[in-house]
C-alpha atoms as a PDB file:
ATOM      1  CA  MET A   1     -19.854  41.787 -29.772  1.00  0.00           C
ATOM      2  CA  ALA A   2     -20.290  38.068 -30.515  1.00  0.00           C
ATOM      3  CA  GLU A   3     -16.549  37.651 -31.268  1.00  0.00           C
ATOM      4  CA  PHE A   4     -15.691  38.987 -27.802  1.00  0.00           C
ATOM      5  CA  GLN A   5     -17.970  36.472 -26.078  1.00  0.00           C
ATOM      6  CA  TRP A   6     -16.341  33.557 -27.949  1.00  0.00           C
ATOM      7  CA  TRP A   7     -12.925  34.840 -26.907  1.00  0.00           C
ATOM      8  CA  LEU A   8     -14.023  34.910 -23.260  1.00  0.00           C
ATOM      9  CA  LEU A   9     -15.336  31.358 -23.557  1.00  0.00           C
ATOM     10  CA  ILE A  10     -12.024  30.087 -24.960  1.00  0.00           C
ATOM     11  CA  VAL A  11     -10.009  31.917 -22.279  1.00  0.00           C
ATOM     12  CA  GLY A  12     -12.322  30.515 -19.591  1.00  0.00           C
ATOM     13  CA  ILE A  13     -11.923  26.958 -20.859  1.00  0.00           C
ATOM     14  CA  VAL A  14      -8.116  27.266 -20.972  1.00  0.00           C
ATOM     15  CA  ALA A  15      -7.968  28.860 -17.514  1.00  0.00           C
ATOM     16  CA  GLY A  16     -10.341  26.225 -16.105  1.00  0.00           C
ATOM     17  CA  GLY A  17      -8.246  23.417 -17.616  1.00  0.00           C
ATOM     18  CA  GLY A  18      -5.100  24.930 -16.109  1.00  0.00           C
ATOM     19  CA  LEU A  19      -6.744  25.193 -12.700  1.00  0.00           C
ATOM     20  CA  VAL A  20      -7.882  21.556 -12.855  1.00  0.00           C
ATOM     21  CA  ALA A  21      -4.349  20.478 -13.854  1.00  0.00           C
ATOM     22  CA  VAL A  22      -2.846  22.336 -10.874  1.00  0.00           C
ATOM     23  CA  VAL A  23      -5.400  20.888  -8.437  1.00  0.00           C
ATOM     24  CA  LEU A  24      -4.910  17.318  -9.682  1.00  0.00           C
ATOM     25  CA  MET A  25      -1.108  17.568  -9.831  1.00  0.00           C
ATOM     26  CA  ASP A  26       0.686  14.952  -7.757  1.00  0.00           C
ATOM     27  CA  GLY A  27       3.616  16.526  -5.942  1.00  0.00           C
ATOM     28  CA  ALA A  28       4.635  13.388  -4.044  1.00  0.00           C
ATOM     29  CA  ARG A  29       8.250  12.332  -4.294  1.00  0.00           C
ATOM     30  CA  ARG A  30       9.131   9.020  -5.908  1.00  0.00           C
ATOM     31  CA  GLU A  31      11.955   6.579  -5.173  1.00  0.00           C
ATOM     32  CA  ALA A  32      13.688   7.777  -8.340  1.00  0.00           C
ATOM     33  CA  ASP A  33      13.769  11.327  -6.910  1.00  0.00           C
ATOM     34  CA  ILE A  34      15.887  10.315  -3.902  1.00  0.00           C
ATOM     35  CA  GLU A  35      19.646  10.312  -4.455  1.00  0.00           C
ATOM     36  CA  ASP A  36      22.174   8.107  -2.650  1.00  0.00           C
ATOM     37  CA  ALA A  37      23.276  10.826  -0.193  1.00  0.00           C
ATOM     38  CA  GLU A  38      19.693  11.482   0.844  1.00  0.00           C
ATOM     39  CA  ARG A  39      19.026   7.733   1.120  1.00  0.00           C
ATOM     40  CA  GLN A  40      21.923   7.435   3.587  1.00  0.00           C
ATOM     41  CA  ALA A  41      20.540  10.344   5.626  1.00  0.00           C
ATOM     42  CA  GLU A  42      17.091   8.718   5.555  1.00  0.00           C
ATOM     43  CA  ALA A  43      18.596   5.416   6.736  1.00  0.00           C
ATOM     44  CA  THR A  44      20.329   7.212   9.617  1.00  0.00           C
ATOM     45  CA  TRP A  45      17.084   8.941  10.598  1.00  0.00           C
ATOM     46  CA  ILE A  46      15.065   5.713  10.466  1.00  0.00           C
ATOM     47  CA  SER A  47      17.725   3.874  12.486  1.00  0.00           C
ATOM     48  CA  GLN A  48      17.712   6.570  15.181  1.00  0.00           C
ATOM     49  CA  TRP A  49      13.918   6.691  15.231  1.00  0.00           C
ATOM     50  CA  LEU A  50      13.599   2.914  15.637  1.00  0.00           C
ATOM     51  CA  SER A  51      16.336   2.883  18.316  1.00  0.00           C
ATOM     52  CA  SER A  52      14.489   5.553  20.304  1.00  0.00           C
ATOM     53  CA  ASP A  53      11.396   3.336  20.071  1.00  0.00           C
ATOM     54  CA  GLY A  54      13.332   0.452  21.634  1.00  0.00           C
ATOM     55  CA  ARG A  55      14.042  -1.447  18.399  1.00  0.00           C
ATOM     56  CA  PRO A  56      17.718  -0.904  17.554  1.00  0.00           C
ATOM     57  CA  VAL A  57      18.503  -1.430  13.865  1.00  0.00           C
ATOM     58  CA  SER A  58      21.791  -0.463  12.245  1.00  0.00           C
ATOM     59  CA  ARG A  59      21.933   2.219   9.579  1.00  0.00           C
ATOM     60  CA  ASP A  60      23.445  -0.268   7.119  1.00  0.00           C
ATOM     61  CA  ASP A  61      20.507  -2.661   7.578  1.00  0.00           C
ATOM     62  CA  VAL A  62      17.991   0.126   7.044  1.00  0.00           C
ATOM     63  CA  GLU A  63      19.869   1.304   3.949  1.00  0.00           C
ATOM     64  CA  ALA A  64      19.857  -2.242   2.549  1.00  0.00           C
ATOM     65  CA  VAL A  65      16.077  -2.435   3.076  1.00  0.00           C
ATOM     66  CA  LEU A  66      15.600   0.933   1.358  1.00  0.00           C
ATOM     67  CA  ARG A  67      17.720  -0.219  -1.607  1.00  0.00           C
ATOM     68  CA  ALA A  68      15.730  -3.448  -1.820  1.00  0.00           C
ATOM     69  CA  HIS A  69      12.495  -1.454  -1.731  1.00  0.00           C
ATOM     70  CA  ARG A  70      13.727   0.801  -4.548  1.00  0.00           C
ATOM     71  CA  ASP A  71      14.611  -2.272  -6.612  1.00  0.00           C
ATOM     72  CA  TYR A  72      11.220  -3.831  -5.830  1.00  0.00           C
ATOM     73  CA  LEU A  73       9.429  -0.768  -7.162  1.00  0.00           C
ATOM     74  CA  THR A  74      11.223  -1.124 -10.516  1.00  0.00           C
ATOM     75  CA  LEU A  75       9.774  -4.619 -11.014  1.00  0.00           C
ATOM     76  CA  PRO A  76       6.535  -5.114 -12.931  1.00  0.00           C
ATOM     77  CA  PRO A  77       3.456  -5.594 -10.745  1.00  0.00           C
ATOM     78  CA  PRO A  78       2.890  -9.187  -9.620  1.00  0.00           C
ATOM     79  CA  ASP A  79       0.134 -11.264 -11.188  1.00  0.00           C
ATOM     80  CA  ARG A  80      -0.859 -12.643  -7.783  1.00  0.00           C
ATOM     81  CA  LEU A  81       0.149 -11.743  -4.238  1.00  0.00           C
ATOM     82  CA  VAL A  82       1.226 -14.511  -1.920  1.00  0.00           C
ATOM     83  CA  ALA A  83       1.717 -13.277   1.629  1.00  0.00           C
ATOM     84  CA  ALA A  84       3.854 -15.307   4.011  1.00  0.00           C
ATOM     85  CA  GLU A  85       1.875 -16.567   6.970  1.00  0.00           C
ATOM     86  CA  ALA A  86       3.048 -15.569  10.426  1.00  0.00           C
ATOM     87  CA  ASP A  87       1.730 -18.802  11.981  1.00  0.00           C
ATOM     88  CA  PRO A  88       0.966 -22.021  10.158  1.00  0.00           C
ATOM     89  CA  PRO A  89      -2.755 -22.866   9.983  1.00  0.00           C
ATOM     90  CA  ALA A  90      -4.199 -24.786  12.889  1.00  0.00           C
ATOM     91  CA  ALA A  91      -4.414 -28.568  12.684  1.00  0.00           C
ATOM     92  CA  GLY A  92      -8.176 -28.269  12.241  1.00  0.00           C
ATOM     93  CA  GLY A  93      -7.657 -26.702   8.827  1.00  0.00           C
ATOM     94  CA  ASN A  94      -8.927 -23.255   9.791  1.00  0.00           C
ATOM     95  CA  ARG A  95      -7.476 -21.504   6.736  1.00  0.00           C
ATOM     96  CA  ALA A  96      -9.853 -18.585   7.022  1.00  0.00           C
ATOM     97  CA  GLY A  97      -7.918 -17.125   9.952  1.00  0.00           C
ATOM     98  CA  ALA A  98     -10.996 -17.040  12.153  1.00  0.00           C
ATOM     99  CA  SER A  99     -11.044 -18.293  15.680  1.00  0.00           C
ATOM    100  CA  ALA A 100     -13.653 -20.666  17.033  1.00  0.00           C
ATOM    101  CA  THR A 101     -15.793 -17.660  17.973  1.00  0.00           C
ATOM    102  CA  GLY A 102     -15.834 -16.405  14.382  1.00  0.00           C
ATOM    103  CA  SER A 103     -13.784 -13.240  14.909  1.00  0.00           C
ATOM    104  CA  ARG A 104     -11.216 -12.252  12.318  1.00  0.00           C
ATOM    105  CA  SER A 105      -7.586 -12.686  13.220  1.00  0.00           C
ATOM    106  CA  ALA A 106      -4.559 -10.911  11.785  1.00  0.00           C
ATOM    107  CA  GLY A 107      -3.635 -14.062   9.861  1.00  0.00           C
ATOM    108  CA  ALA A 108      -6.624 -13.942   7.473  1.00  0.00           C
ATOM    109  CA  ASP A 109      -5.394 -13.806   3.904  1.00  0.00           C
ATOM    110  CA  ALA A 110      -7.522 -12.211   1.206  1.00  0.00           C
ATOM    111  CA  ASP A 111      -5.315 -13.814  -1.463  1.00  0.00           C
ATOM    112  CA  ARG A 112      -6.668 -17.277  -0.747  1.00  0.00           C
ATOM    113  CA  PRO A 113      -9.639 -18.561  -2.727  1.00  0.00           C
ATOM    114  CA  ALA A 114     -12.983 -17.564  -1.282  1.00  0.00           C
ATOM    115  CA  HIS A 115     -15.260 -20.165   0.220  1.00  0.00           C
ATOM    116  CA  GLU A 116     -19.010 -20.300   0.012  1.00  0.00           C
ATOM    117  CA  PRO A 117     -20.724 -18.039   2.550  1.00  0.00           C
ATOM    118  CA  GLY A 118     -21.448 -19.999   5.663  1.00  0.00           C
ATOM    119  CA  HIS A 119     -18.646 -22.517   5.110  1.00  0.00           C
ATOM    120  CA  ASP A 120     -18.039 -22.514   8.846  1.00  0.00           C
ATOM    121  CA  GLY A 121     -21.520 -23.903   9.464  1.00  0.00           C
ATOM    122  CA  ARG A 122     -22.856 -20.756  11.125  1.00  0.00           C
ATOM    123  CA  GLY A 123     -23.889 -18.778   8.048  1.00  0.00           C
ATOM    124  CA  GLY A 124     -21.349 -16.032   8.835  1.00  0.00           C
ATOM    125  CA  PRO A 125     -19.284 -14.065   6.345  1.00  0.00           C
ATOM    126  CA  ASP A 126     -16.297 -15.531   4.548  1.00  0.00           C
ATOM    127  CA  HIS A 127     -13.206 -14.484   6.513  1.00  0.00           C
ATOM    128  CA  ASP A 128     -10.886 -14.998   3.531  1.00  0.00           C
ATOM    129  CA  LEU A 129     -12.328 -11.947   1.815  1.00  0.00           C
ATOM    130  CA  ALA A 130     -10.771  -8.515   2.300  1.00  0.00           C
ATOM    131  CA  ASP A 131     -12.495  -5.935   4.471  1.00  0.00           C
ATOM    132  CA  ALA A 132     -14.659  -3.544   2.478  1.00  0.00           C
END
């Protein structure tokens, strides 16, 4: 009788491991899974979708962006991210991206070095840090 209980334990462990593997399996498609013909169809779809939204973009431009994105994903991860700023910082040197009222603007960059808390003189949070 004891041999049968060990057999059930081993079968249960194997079945449980298989179930965990199936649940944790990632079925998402990768850039490498998409062939050139499908990429062209995707570019056509994106172009039509953007045009219907009032932002006409040619299929060739979208396809070039998709190719560039595929090439970007083959590169090793960057050591440091440097995001291009939409607007240059104000003349007052407000690099934190906060307005005079202390609210966060879209230009705040978490890649910049953090300042001491309260660097704006009001004891508020550092706006260079990413949202939690």
